[in-house]
Amino acid sequence: MALPVVEGPTLRLRPVLPQDAGFIHRLRTDPRYNAHLSPVTGTVEDQRRWIEGYKARETEGSEAYFIIERRDGVSCGTVRLYGIEGERFTWGSWILDGNKPPRAALESVVLSFGFGFETRRLAEALIDVRQQNLRAIAFYRRFGLTERGRDDLNLYFTCSRDRFLADRPGFLAVLQAGAGA
């Protein structure tokens, strides 16, 4: 399955490519952005090879990995839907850097959830977040995600397609108001 480009008011999600390896590696190894990520030990070349392997999973429809770009083409983050199985997907690999425009967090979540819930017709998103990632946890709660459990390391959230589709008009109004400002 070839991934589409997903367009929003100030951002677009485009399928990741092997040539994005340097950008992704920089994000994942930058201490400003990686405090709550799994450690990275490989090189840019290792990242490129991982992306090449990922492309087979993309074709199978079990994963979708996007580069988040501003509308002017400047890359500002990543987001991934993985573990796509049955009616569910796990949402993650979400990183936004200093090039992001205002409201990029909200817009990137709305676009990526929209891909999962509408384009792929999946029914439920699963999200896990490190308990120390207080900013992400606060965002997820404001976004209306439901906490479904915790362990020593993570909090686990869920979002249903019905909940997202009911809340999306309000999110889009916020994004449209911001895009016009």
N, C-alpha and C. Protein backbone atom coordinates (compact mmCIF):
# COMPACT_ATOMS: atom_id res chain seq x y z
N MET A 1 0.85 -1.19 0.00
CA MET A 1 0.00 0.00 0.00
C MET A 1 0.88 1.24 0.00
N ALA A 2 0.78 2.07 -1.01
CA ALA A 2 1.53 3.33 -1.06
C ALA A 2 0.83 4.35 -0.16
N LEU A 3 1.61 5.01 0.67
CA LEU A 3 1.03 6.00 1.57
C LEU A 3 0.77 7.31 0.83
N PRO A 4 -0.34 7.96 1.15
CA PRO A 4 -0.61 9.27 0.56
C PRO A 4 0.12 10.36 1.32
N VAL A 5 0.18 11.54 0.73
CA VAL A 5 0.57 12.74 1.46
C VAL A 5 -0.72 13.25 2.12
N VAL A 6 -0.63 13.57 3.40
CA VAL A 6 -1.79 14.02 4.16
C VAL A 6 -1.60 15.51 4.43
N GLU A 7 -2.50 16.35 3.95
CA GLU A 7 -2.35 17.81 4.01
C GLU A 7 -3.22 18.42 5.10
N GLY A 8 -2.68 19.41 5.79
CA GLY A 8 -3.42 20.19 6.77
C GLY A 8 -3.22 21.67 6.51
N PRO A 9 -3.73 22.52 7.42
CA PRO A 9 -3.62 23.97 7.21
C PRO A 9 -2.18 24.49 7.15
N THR A 10 -1.28 23.96 8.01
CA THR A 10 0.10 24.44 8.03
C THR A 10 1.13 23.33 7.88
N LEU A 11 0.67 22.07 7.93
CA LEU A 11 1.58 20.93 7.86
C LEU A 11 1.13 19.94 6.80
N ARG A 12 2.06 19.08 6.43
CA ARG A 12 1.72 17.91 5.64
C ARG A 12 2.51 16.74 6.21
N LEU A 13 1.92 15.56 6.10
CA LEU A 13 2.61 14.32 6.44
C LEU A 13 2.93 13.65 5.12
N ARG A 14 4.21 13.34 4.92
CA ARG A 14 4.59 12.63 3.71
C ARG A 14 5.30 11.34 4.10
N PRO A 15 5.18 10.32 3.26
CA PRO A 15 5.83 9.04 3.60
C PRO A 15 7.33 9.21 3.80
N VAL A 16 7.87 8.53 4.80
CA VAL A 16 9.30 8.56 5.05
C VAL A 16 10.03 7.87 3.89
N LEU A 17 11.22 8.35 3.60
CA LEU A 17 12.06 7.80 2.53
C LEU A 17 13.45 7.50 3.10
N PRO A 18 14.20 6.60 2.48
CA PRO A 18 15.55 6.31 2.99
C PRO A 18 16.42 7.57 3.14
N GLN A 19 16.22 8.54 2.26
CA GLN A 19 17.05 9.76 2.35
C GLN A 19 16.68 10.63 3.56
N ASP A 20 15.64 10.27 4.31
CA ASP A 20 15.29 10.98 5.55
C ASP A 20 16.09 10.47 6.74
N ALA A 21 16.95 9.49 6.53
CA ALA A 21 17.67 8.86 7.63
C ALA A 21 18.47 9.87 8.45
N GLY A 22 19.16 10.80 7.80
CA GLY A 22 19.94 11.78 8.54
C GLY A 22 19.08 12.66 9.43
N PHE A 23 17.95 13.12 8.91
CA PHE A 23 17.03 13.95 9.68
C PHE A 23 16.50 13.18 10.89
N ILE A 24 16.05 11.95 10.66
CA ILE A 24 15.49 11.15 11.76
C ILE A 24 16.56 10.84 12.80
N HIS A 25 17.74 10.49 12.35
CA HIS A 25 18.84 10.20 13.28
C HIS A 25 19.16 11.43 14.13
N ARG A 26 19.21 12.60 13.51
CA ARG A 26 19.47 13.84 14.27
C ARG A 26 18.38 14.06 15.33
N LEU A 27 17.11 13.88 14.95
CA LEU A 27 16.03 14.05 15.92
C LEU A 27 16.18 13.08 17.09
N ARG A 28 16.42 11.82 16.76
CA ARG A 28 16.44 10.77 17.79
C ARG A 28 17.68 10.83 18.68
N THR A 29 18.73 11.50 18.22
CA THR A 29 19.95 11.60 19.04
C THR A 29 20.10 12.97 19.68
N ASP A 30 19.20 13.90 19.41
CA ASP A 30 19.27 15.26 19.98
C ASP A 30 18.69 15.23 21.39
N PRO A 31 19.48 15.62 22.40
CA PRO A 31 18.98 15.58 23.78
C PRO A 31 17.76 16.47 24.03
N ARG A 32 17.52 17.45 23.16
CA ARG A 32 16.33 18.28 23.33
C ARG A 32 15.05 17.51 23.02
N TYR A 33 15.16 16.44 22.24
CA TYR A 33 13.97 15.73 21.77
C TYR A 33 13.92 14.26 22.18
N ASN A 34 15.00 13.70 22.70
CA ASN A 34 15.03 12.25 22.90
C ASN A 34 14.92 11.78 24.34
N ALA A 35 14.62 12.68 25.27
CA ALA A 35 14.60 12.30 26.68
C ALA A 35 13.64 11.16 26.98
N HIS A 36 12.56 11.03 26.21
CA HIS A 36 11.54 10.03 26.49
C HIS A 36 11.44 8.97 25.40
N LEU A 37 12.52 8.84 24.60
CA LEU A 37 12.55 7.86 23.51
C LEU A 37 13.45 6.70 23.87
N SER A 38 13.28 5.60 23.18
CA SER A 38 14.21 4.49 23.31
C SER A 38 15.58 4.97 22.85
N PRO A 39 16.65 4.56 23.52
CA PRO A 39 17.99 5.01 23.13
C PRO A 39 18.36 4.59 21.71
N VAL A 40 19.13 5.43 21.03
CA VAL A 40 19.61 5.15 19.69
C VAL A 40 21.10 4.85 19.78
N THR A 41 21.50 3.73 19.23
CA THR A 41 22.92 3.38 19.26
C THR A 41 23.54 3.31 17.88
N GLY A 42 22.72 3.31 16.84
CA GLY A 42 23.21 3.14 15.48
C GLY A 42 23.63 4.44 14.82
N THR A 43 24.00 4.29 13.56
CA THR A 43 24.46 5.40 12.73
C THR A 43 23.36 5.83 11.78
N VAL A 44 23.63 6.88 11.02
CA VAL A 44 22.70 7.31 9.98
C VAL A 44 22.49 6.18 8.98
N GLU A 45 23.55 5.48 8.64
CA GLU A 45 23.44 4.35 7.70
C GLU A 45 22.55 3.25 8.28
N ASP A 46 22.66 2.99 9.57
CA ASP A 46 21.77 2.01 10.21
C ASP A 46 20.31 2.46 10.11
N GLN A 47 20.09 3.77 10.31
CA GLN A 47 18.73 4.31 10.20
C GLN A 47 18.20 4.15 8.78
N ARG A 48 19.06 4.41 7.80
CA ARG A 48 18.66 4.25 6.40
C ARG A 48 18.25 2.80 6.12
N ARG A 49 19.06 1.86 6.62
CA ARG A 49 18.74 0.44 6.41
C ARG A 49 17.43 0.08 7.12
N TRP A 50 17.19 0.65 8.31
CA TRP A 50 15.93 0.39 9.03
C TRP A 50 14.75 0.88 8.19
N ILE A 51 14.89 2.08 7.60
CA ILE A 51 13.81 2.62 6.77
C ILE A 51 13.58 1.72 5.56
N GLU A 52 14.65 1.23 4.94
CA GLU A 52 14.48 0.34 3.80
C GLU A 52 13.72 -0.92 4.20
N GLY A 53 14.01 -1.47 5.37
CA GLY A 53 13.27 -2.62 5.86
C GLY A 53 11.83 -2.28 6.20
N TYR A 54 11.65 -1.09 6.76
CA TYR A 54 10.30 -0.61 7.09
C TYR A 54 9.42 -0.54 5.83
N LYS A 55 9.99 -0.14 4.71
CA LYS A 55 9.19 0.04 3.49
C LYS A 55 8.43 -1.24 3.12
N ALA A 56 8.98 -2.41 3.44
CA ALA A 56 8.25 -3.67 3.19
C ALA A 56 7.03 -3.74 4.10
N ARG A 57 7.16 -3.32 5.36
CA ARG A 57 6.02 -3.32 6.28
C ARG A 57 4.97 -2.30 5.85
N GLU A 58 5.43 -1.17 5.27
CA GLU A 58 4.50 -0.18 4.73
C GLU A 58 3.69 -0.81 3.59
N THR A 59 4.37 -1.51 2.69
CA THR A 59 3.70 -2.15 1.57
C THR A 59 2.68 -3.18 2.04
N GLU A 60 3.02 -3.91 3.11
CA GLU A 60 2.10 -4.90 3.69
C GLU A 60 0.91 -4.24 4.39
N GLY A 61 1.04 -2.95 4.73
CA GLY A 61 -0.03 -2.25 5.43
C GLY A 61 0.04 -2.36 6.94
N SER A 62 1.15 -2.87 7.48
CA SER A 62 1.25 -3.03 8.93
C SER A 62 1.87 -1.83 9.63
N GLU A 63 2.41 -0.88 8.87
CA GLU A 63 2.99 0.34 9.44
C GLU A 63 2.83 1.50 8.47
N ALA A 64 2.84 2.69 9.04
CA ALA A 64 2.84 3.91 8.24
C ALA A 64 3.71 4.92 8.97
N TYR A 65 4.79 5.35 8.33
CA TYR A 65 5.76 6.25 8.96
C TYR A 65 5.82 7.52 8.11
N PHE A 66 5.61 8.65 8.76
CA PHE A 66 5.54 9.93 8.05
C PHE A 66 6.59 10.91 8.56
N ILE A 67 7.08 11.73 7.65
CA ILE A 67 7.82 12.93 8.00
C ILE A 67 6.79 14.05 8.09
N ILE A 68 6.86 14.81 9.17
CA ILE A 68 5.99 15.98 9.34
C ILE A 68 6.75 17.16 8.75
N GLU A 69 6.11 17.82 7.79
CA GLU A 69 6.72 18.99 7.12
C GLU A 69 5.80 20.19 7.24
N ARG A 70 6.45 21.37 7.34
CA ARG A 70 5.68 22.60 7.16
C ARG A 70 5.27 22.66 5.70
N ARG A 71 4.28 23.50 5.41
CA ARG A 71 3.81 23.61 4.02
C ARG A 71 4.89 24.13 3.07
N ASP A 72 5.93 24.78 3.62
CA ASP A 72 7.03 25.26 2.77
C ASP A 72 8.08 24.18 2.53
N GLY A 73 7.83 22.94 2.99
CA GLY A 73 8.73 21.83 2.74
C GLY A 73 9.79 21.59 3.78
N VAL A 74 9.85 22.39 4.83
CA VAL A 74 10.85 22.20 5.89
C VAL A 74 10.36 21.08 6.82
N SER A 75 11.19 20.05 6.96
CA SER A 75 10.85 18.94 7.86
C SER A 75 10.91 19.41 9.30
N CYS A 76 9.94 18.98 10.10
CA CYS A 76 9.91 19.41 11.51
C CYS A 76 9.53 18.27 12.45
N GLY A 77 9.44 17.04 11.96
CA GLY A 77 9.14 15.95 12.87
C GLY A 77 8.81 14.64 12.19
N THR A 78 8.42 13.69 13.03
CA THR A 78 8.04 12.36 12.56
C THR A 78 6.82 11.88 13.33
N VAL A 79 6.08 10.95 12.75
CA VAL A 79 4.98 10.27 13.43
C VAL A 79 4.78 8.93 12.72
N ARG A 80 4.37 7.93 13.51
CA ARG A 80 4.27 6.58 12.95
C ARG A 80 3.04 5.87 13.50
N LEU A 81 2.39 5.13 12.64
CA LEU A 81 1.33 4.20 13.03
C LEU A 81 1.93 2.81 12.79
N TYR A 82 1.94 1.99 13.82
CA TYR A 82 2.55 0.68 13.70
C TYR A 82 1.72 -0.36 14.46
N GLY A 83 2.11 -1.61 14.34
CA GLY A 83 1.33 -2.66 14.98
C GLY A 83 -0.10 -2.67 14.45
N ILE A 84 -0.27 -2.26 13.19
CA ILE A 84 -1.61 -2.22 12.61
C ILE A 84 -2.09 -3.66 12.44
N GLU A 85 -3.12 -3.97 13.18
CA GLU A 85 -3.61 -5.33 13.22
C GLU A 85 -5.10 -5.30 13.52
N GLY A 86 -5.87 -5.99 12.73
CA GLY A 86 -7.31 -5.98 12.94
C GLY A 86 -7.84 -4.57 12.81
N GLU A 87 -8.47 -4.07 13.85
CA GLU A 87 -9.08 -2.74 13.85
C GLU A 87 -8.24 -1.71 14.61
N ARG A 88 -7.03 -2.07 15.04
CA ARG A 88 -6.24 -1.21 15.92
C ARG A 88 -4.90 -0.82 15.30
N PHE A 89 -4.39 0.31 15.79
CA PHE A 89 -3.02 0.70 15.48
C PHE A 89 -2.41 1.32 16.72
N THR A 90 -1.09 1.22 16.82
CA THR A 90 -0.36 1.92 17.86
C THR A 90 0.21 3.17 17.23
N TRP A 91 0.04 4.27 17.92
CA TRP A 91 0.48 5.58 17.43
C TRP A 91 1.71 5.98 18.22
N GLY A 92 2.76 6.43 17.51
CA GLY A 92 3.97 6.84 18.23
C GLY A 92 5.04 7.38 17.31
N SER A 93 6.30 7.28 17.80
CA SER A 93 7.46 7.84 17.10
C SER A 93 7.21 9.31 16.77
N TRP A 94 6.48 9.97 17.65
CA TRP A 94 6.06 11.36 17.45
C TRP A 94 7.11 12.28 18.02
N ILE A 95 7.77 13.01 17.14
CA ILE A 95 8.79 13.98 17.54
C ILE A 95 8.56 15.24 16.72
N LEU A 96 8.58 16.38 17.37
CA LEU A 96 8.52 17.68 16.70
C LEU A 96 9.74 18.48 17.13
N ASP A 97 10.40 19.12 16.16
CA ASP A 97 11.59 19.89 16.50
C ASP A 97 11.30 21.39 16.52
N GLY A 98 12.32 22.18 16.66
CA GLY A 98 12.17 23.63 16.77
C GLY A 98 11.69 24.31 15.51
N ASN A 99 11.64 23.62 14.38
CA ASN A 99 11.13 24.21 13.14
C ASN A 99 9.62 24.13 13.02
N LYS A 100 8.97 23.55 13.99
CA LYS A 100 7.52 23.35 13.92
C LYS A 100 6.79 24.69 14.02
N PRO A 101 5.68 24.82 13.30
CA PRO A 101 4.87 26.04 13.42
C PRO A 101 3.98 25.95 14.67
N PRO A 102 3.34 27.05 15.05
CA PRO A 102 2.38 27.00 16.16
C PRO A 102 1.31 25.94 15.89
N ARG A 103 0.86 25.31 16.94
CA ARG A 103 -0.20 24.28 16.90
C ARG A 103 0.20 23.02 16.13
N ALA A 104 1.50 22.82 15.90
CA ALA A 104 1.96 21.64 15.16
C ALA A 104 1.64 20.35 15.89
N ALA A 105 1.66 20.37 17.21
CA ALA A 105 1.33 19.15 17.95
C ALA A 105 -0.10 18.73 17.63
N LEU A 106 -1.04 19.66 17.80
CA LEU A 106 -2.44 19.35 17.53
C LEU A 106 -2.63 18.93 16.07
N GLU A 107 -2.06 19.69 15.15
CA GLU A 107 -2.27 19.40 13.74
C GLU A 107 -1.68 18.05 13.33
N SER A 108 -0.49 17.73 13.81
CA SER A 108 0.12 16.46 13.43
C SER A 108 -0.66 15.27 13.99
N VAL A 109 -1.24 15.42 15.18
CA VAL A 109 -2.06 14.34 15.73
C VAL A 109 -3.37 14.22 14.94
N VAL A 110 -4.00 15.35 14.65
CA VAL A 110 -5.25 15.31 13.88
C VAL A 110 -5.02 14.67 12.51
N LEU A 111 -3.94 15.04 11.84
CA LEU A 111 -3.66 14.48 10.51
C LEU A 111 -3.35 12.98 10.59
N SER A 112 -2.52 12.58 11.53
CA SER A 112 -2.13 11.18 11.60
C SER A 112 -3.27 10.30 12.10
N PHE A 113 -4.04 10.76 13.09
CA PHE A 113 -5.21 10.00 13.51
C PHE A 113 -6.23 9.93 12.37
N GLY A 114 -6.39 11.04 11.64
CA GLY A 114 -7.30 11.03 10.50
C GLY A 114 -6.90 9.98 9.48
N PHE A 115 -5.60 9.84 9.24
CA PHE A 115 -5.13 8.79 8.33
C PHE A 115 -5.52 7.42 8.87
N GLY A 116 -5.27 7.17 10.14
CA GLY A 116 -5.59 5.86 10.71
C GLY A 116 -7.07 5.57 10.74
N PHE A 117 -7.86 6.57 11.14
CA PHE A 117 -9.29 6.33 11.33
C PHE A 117 -10.11 6.45 10.05
N GLU A 118 -9.71 7.31 9.14
CA GLU A 118 -10.50 7.49 7.92
C GLU A 118 -9.89 6.77 6.72
N THR A 119 -8.64 7.05 6.42
CA THR A 119 -8.02 6.42 5.26
C THR A 119 -7.93 4.91 5.44
N ARG A 120 -7.44 4.49 6.61
CA ARG A 120 -7.28 3.06 6.87
C ARG A 120 -8.52 2.42 7.49
N ARG A 121 -9.48 3.23 7.92
CA ARG A 121 -10.75 2.74 8.50
C ARG A 121 -10.55 1.90 9.75
N LEU A 122 -9.52 2.22 10.54
CA LEU A 122 -9.26 1.51 11.79
C LEU A 122 -10.15 2.09 12.89
N ALA A 123 -10.40 1.33 13.93
CA ALA A 123 -11.37 1.72 14.95
C ALA A 123 -10.76 2.25 16.23
N GLU A 124 -9.48 1.94 16.49
CA GLU A 124 -8.92 2.33 17.79
C GLU A 124 -7.43 2.60 17.68
N ALA A 125 -7.00 3.69 18.33
CA ALA A 125 -5.59 4.03 18.44
C ALA A 125 -5.13 3.71 19.84
N LEU A 126 -3.95 3.11 19.94
CA LEU A 126 -3.31 2.82 21.22
C LEU A 126 -2.07 3.69 21.33
N ILE A 127 -1.85 4.27 22.49
CA ILE A 127 -0.72 5.17 22.69
C ILE A 127 -0.07 4.81 24.01
N ASP A 128 1.25 4.67 24.02
CA ASP A 128 1.96 4.53 25.29
C ASP A 128 2.95 5.67 25.40
N VAL A 129 3.10 6.15 26.62
CA VAL A 129 3.97 7.31 26.88
C VAL A 129 4.69 7.09 28.20
N ARG A 130 5.97 7.46 28.22
CA ARG A 130 6.74 7.35 29.45
C ARG A 130 6.09 8.22 30.53
N GLN A 131 6.04 7.70 31.75
CA GLN A 131 5.40 8.44 32.84
C GLN A 131 6.09 9.78 33.13
N GLN A 132 7.37 9.89 32.81
CA GLN A 132 8.09 11.16 33.04
C GLN A 132 7.80 12.20 31.95
N ASN A 133 7.14 11.83 30.88
CA ASN A 133 6.88 12.75 29.77
C ASN A 133 5.60 13.54 30.08
N LEU A 134 5.71 14.44 31.04
CA LEU A 134 4.55 15.15 31.56
C LEU A 134 3.88 16.04 30.51
N ARG A 135 4.66 16.63 29.63
CA ARG A 135 4.07 17.48 28.58
C ARG A 135 3.20 16.66 27.64
N ALA A 136 3.70 15.49 27.21
CA ALA A 136 2.90 14.65 26.31
C ALA A 136 1.65 14.15 27.03
N ILE A 137 1.79 13.74 28.28
CA ILE A 137 0.63 13.25 29.03
C ILE A 137 -0.43 14.34 29.14
N ALA A 138 -0.01 15.55 29.47
CA ALA A 138 -0.98 16.66 29.55
C ALA A 138 -1.65 16.90 28.21
N PHE A 139 -0.88 16.84 27.12
CA PHE A 139 -1.45 17.02 25.79
C PHE A 139 -2.47 15.93 25.50
N TYR A 140 -2.12 14.67 25.76
CA TYR A 140 -3.03 13.57 25.47
C TYR A 140 -4.34 13.71 26.25
N ARG A 141 -4.23 14.16 27.48
CA ARG A 141 -5.46 14.36 28.28
C ARG A 141 -6.30 15.49 27.71
N ARG A 142 -5.65 16.60 27.31
CA ARG A 142 -6.40 17.70 26.68
C ARG A 142 -7.04 17.25 25.37
N PHE A 143 -6.36 16.38 24.64
CA PHE A 143 -6.86 15.87 23.38
C PHE A 143 -8.05 14.93 23.58
N GLY A 144 -8.25 14.47 24.80
CA GLY A 144 -9.39 13.62 25.10
C GLY A 144 -9.11 12.13 25.07
N LEU A 145 -7.82 11.76 25.08
CA LEU A 145 -7.51 10.34 25.11
C LEU A 145 -7.91 9.74 26.46
N THR A 146 -8.25 8.48 26.45
CA THR A 146 -8.67 7.77 27.65
C THR A 146 -7.50 6.97 28.20
N GLU A 147 -7.17 7.20 29.47
CA GLU A 147 -6.11 6.40 30.09
C GLU A 147 -6.66 5.00 30.34
N ARG A 148 -5.90 3.99 29.90
CA ARG A 148 -6.38 2.62 30.03
C ARG A 148 -5.49 1.75 30.89
N GLY A 149 -4.43 2.32 31.44
CA GLY A 149 -3.58 1.55 32.33
C GLY A 149 -2.21 2.16 32.48
N ARG A 150 -1.40 1.51 33.29
CA ARG A 150 -0.03 1.98 33.54
C ARG A 150 0.79 0.81 34.03
N ASP A 151 2.09 0.95 33.86
CA ASP A 151 3.03 0.02 34.46
C ASP A 151 4.16 0.86 35.05
N ASP A 152 5.26 0.25 35.41
CA ASP A 152 6.34 1.00 36.05
C ASP A 152 6.95 2.06 35.14
N LEU A 153 6.86 1.88 33.83
CA LEU A 153 7.51 2.77 32.87
C LEU A 153 6.54 3.70 32.14
N ASN A 154 5.36 3.20 31.74
CA ASN A 154 4.48 3.92 30.83
C ASN A 154 3.07 4.11 31.37
N LEU A 155 2.41 5.12 30.78
CA LEU A 155 0.95 5.24 30.84
C LEU A 155 0.45 4.80 29.48
N TYR A 156 -0.74 4.19 29.46
CA TYR A 156 -1.33 3.71 28.22
C TYR A 156 -2.66 4.41 28.00
N PHE A 157 -2.82 4.94 26.79
CA PHE A 157 -4.03 5.66 26.40
C PHE A 157 -4.65 4.98 25.20
N THR A 158 -5.92 5.31 24.97
CA THR A 158 -6.63 4.83 23.80
C THR A 158 -7.52 5.95 23.27
N CYS A 159 -7.83 5.87 21.99
CA CYS A 159 -8.77 6.79 21.36
C CYS A 159 -9.56 6.00 20.34
N SER A 160 -10.87 6.11 20.40
CA SER A 160 -11.70 5.41 19.42
C SER A 160 -11.94 6.32 18.21
N ARG A 161 -12.22 5.69 17.09
CA ARG A 161 -12.56 6.43 15.87
C ARG A 161 -13.76 7.33 16.13
N ASP A 162 -14.80 6.81 16.80
CA ASP A 162 -16.00 7.60 17.06
C ASP A 162 -15.67 8.84 17.88
N ARG A 163 -14.84 8.68 18.91
CA ARG A 163 -14.47 9.82 19.74
C ARG A 163 -13.70 10.85 18.92
N PHE A 164 -12.73 10.39 18.15
CA PHE A 164 -11.94 11.30 17.32
C PHE A 164 -12.82 12.06 16.33
N LEU A 165 -13.70 11.34 15.62
CA LEU A 165 -14.54 11.99 14.62
C LEU A 165 -15.50 12.98 15.27
N ALA A 166 -15.95 12.71 16.48
CA ALA A 166 -16.83 13.65 17.18
C ALA A 166 -16.07 14.91 17.61
N ASP A 167 -14.81 14.75 18.00
CA ASP A 167 -14.01 15.87 18.50
C ASP A 167 -13.31 16.65 17.39
N ARG A 168 -13.11 16.02 16.24
CA ARG A 168 -12.31 16.63 15.17
C ARG A 168 -12.81 18.00 14.71
N PRO A 169 -14.11 18.24 14.56
CA PRO A 169 -14.53 19.58 14.13
C PRO A 169 -14.00 20.69 15.04
N GLY A 170 -13.99 20.45 16.32
CA GLY A 170 -13.44 21.44 17.26
C GLY A 170 -11.95 21.64 17.06
N PHE A 171 -11.23 20.54 16.87
CA PHE A 171 -9.77 20.64 16.62
C PHE A 171 -9.52 21.40 15.33
N LEU A 172 -10.28 21.09 14.29
CA LEU A 172 -10.09 21.77 13.00
C LEU A 172 -10.40 23.26 13.11
N ALA A 173 -11.40 23.62 13.91
CA ALA A 173 -11.72 25.05 14.11
C ALA A 173 -10.54 25.77 14.75
N VAL A 174 -9.91 25.13 15.73
CA VAL A 174 -8.73 25.73 16.36
C VAL A 174 -7.60 25.89 15.34
N LEU A 175 -7.38 24.85 14.53
CA LEU A 175 -6.31 24.91 13.54
C LEU A 175 -6.59 25.95 12.46
N GLN A 176 -7.83 26.02 11.99
CA GLN A 176 -8.18 27.01 10.96
C GLN A 176 -8.03 28.42 11.50
N ALA A 177 -8.46 28.64 12.74
CA ALA A 177 -8.32 29.97 13.35
C ALA A 177 -6.85 30.35 13.45
N GLY A 178 -6.00 29.38 13.81
CA GLY A 178 -4.58 29.64 13.92
C GLY A 178 -3.92 29.87 12.58
N ALA A 179 -4.38 29.16 11.55
CA ALA A 179 -3.79 29.31 10.22
C ALA A 179 -4.11 30.67 9.62
N GLY A 180 -5.25 31.22 10.03
CA GLY A 180 -5.65 32.53 9.50
C GLY A 180 -5.08 33.69 10.28
N ALA A 181 -4.46 33.37 11.43
CA ALA A 181 -3.94 34.46 12.29
C ALA A 181 -2.65 35.02 11.78
